[in-house]
């Protein structure tokens, strides 16, 4: 519902903008609104930012849910709920597509990197490191992604992309750095978070190999479903023997639901559509927004104080995002709308 309302607002805003700016060319207004480049750009960026917001919330939701559930139990339940929800939506709307045999290898590889490897690294990492440090490590994804994208996909890296990434990372460290905080951290937890970074980069790269025949919803459905092939056996070995000792609270159930719906379904659908339109490098730079949103959410929800340095960092990150997106966006033909 929230995404639908935002989409309708953007649609209305762009429609009014065009009417006001082109009153002397009324005949051009007969063109469908979704064909205007400005509309496509705002729609695309709205989708990416929403995905980052939901993934920022996931740090808080995971912290709450993990108080009741063991990490592998939480991840497995999260994937089961997400897969069931996606199947119901796709089936009821008549959009469920059959997985072609020739594409099976790519979907298995996709599911291995994310959700499996990424969720394992992130969830277990959050049990030993602070959320702010985890956000910093996650923000290094766009720093390493262009290298892998160039090697595997031969995707060109523009100077504006590089400059925007560097500027954004400087802003990220302004947001999360506290002079008296120090840099003490559990090495195992840091290693797990970097495992999640590696998995996310590989996921975004493999995603480009998925044919555009599949809608974004079907891509996320099959990666979630096939991810259970890796999660269920691991859950049976690690968490099943102690499952009777779980004490579930109302807060943890709500957090599990939010993780399943918003972080595991909606955010992935939006992010997948963005990657398939504008590439790994330009999409991943928005990951820098995660620690920014995490700081703001902590201020709103946890009553944490946002210092001047953090506000400066937020501004720098936004500037970096604008720099990285300079130049005309090229939309792939035959790719469906994100929202």
Foldseek 3Di string as FASTA:
>chain_A
DVLVVVLVVLLVVQLVVCCVVVVVPVVVSVPDSVVDQVSQVVLLVVLLLLLLLLVLCLLVLLVQQCVFDPLLVLVLLLLVLLLVVLVVVCVVVVNADDDDPVCVVLLLLLLCLPPNLLSQLLNVLVVWWPPLVLLLLLLCLLVCLVVVCCVQVVDDDDPLLVQLSVLLNVLSCLQRDDPPPDDDGDPVSSVSSNSNSVSVSVNLNSLLVRDLVHALSNSLNSSSVSNSVVSVVVCVPPPVVPVVVGDDDPSSVVSSVSCNPRNSGSSSLSLSLSCNFFHDNLSSLCSSCSSLSSSVCCCVPVVDDRDPSNVVSVVSNVVSNVSSPPDRGGGDPPHDRSD
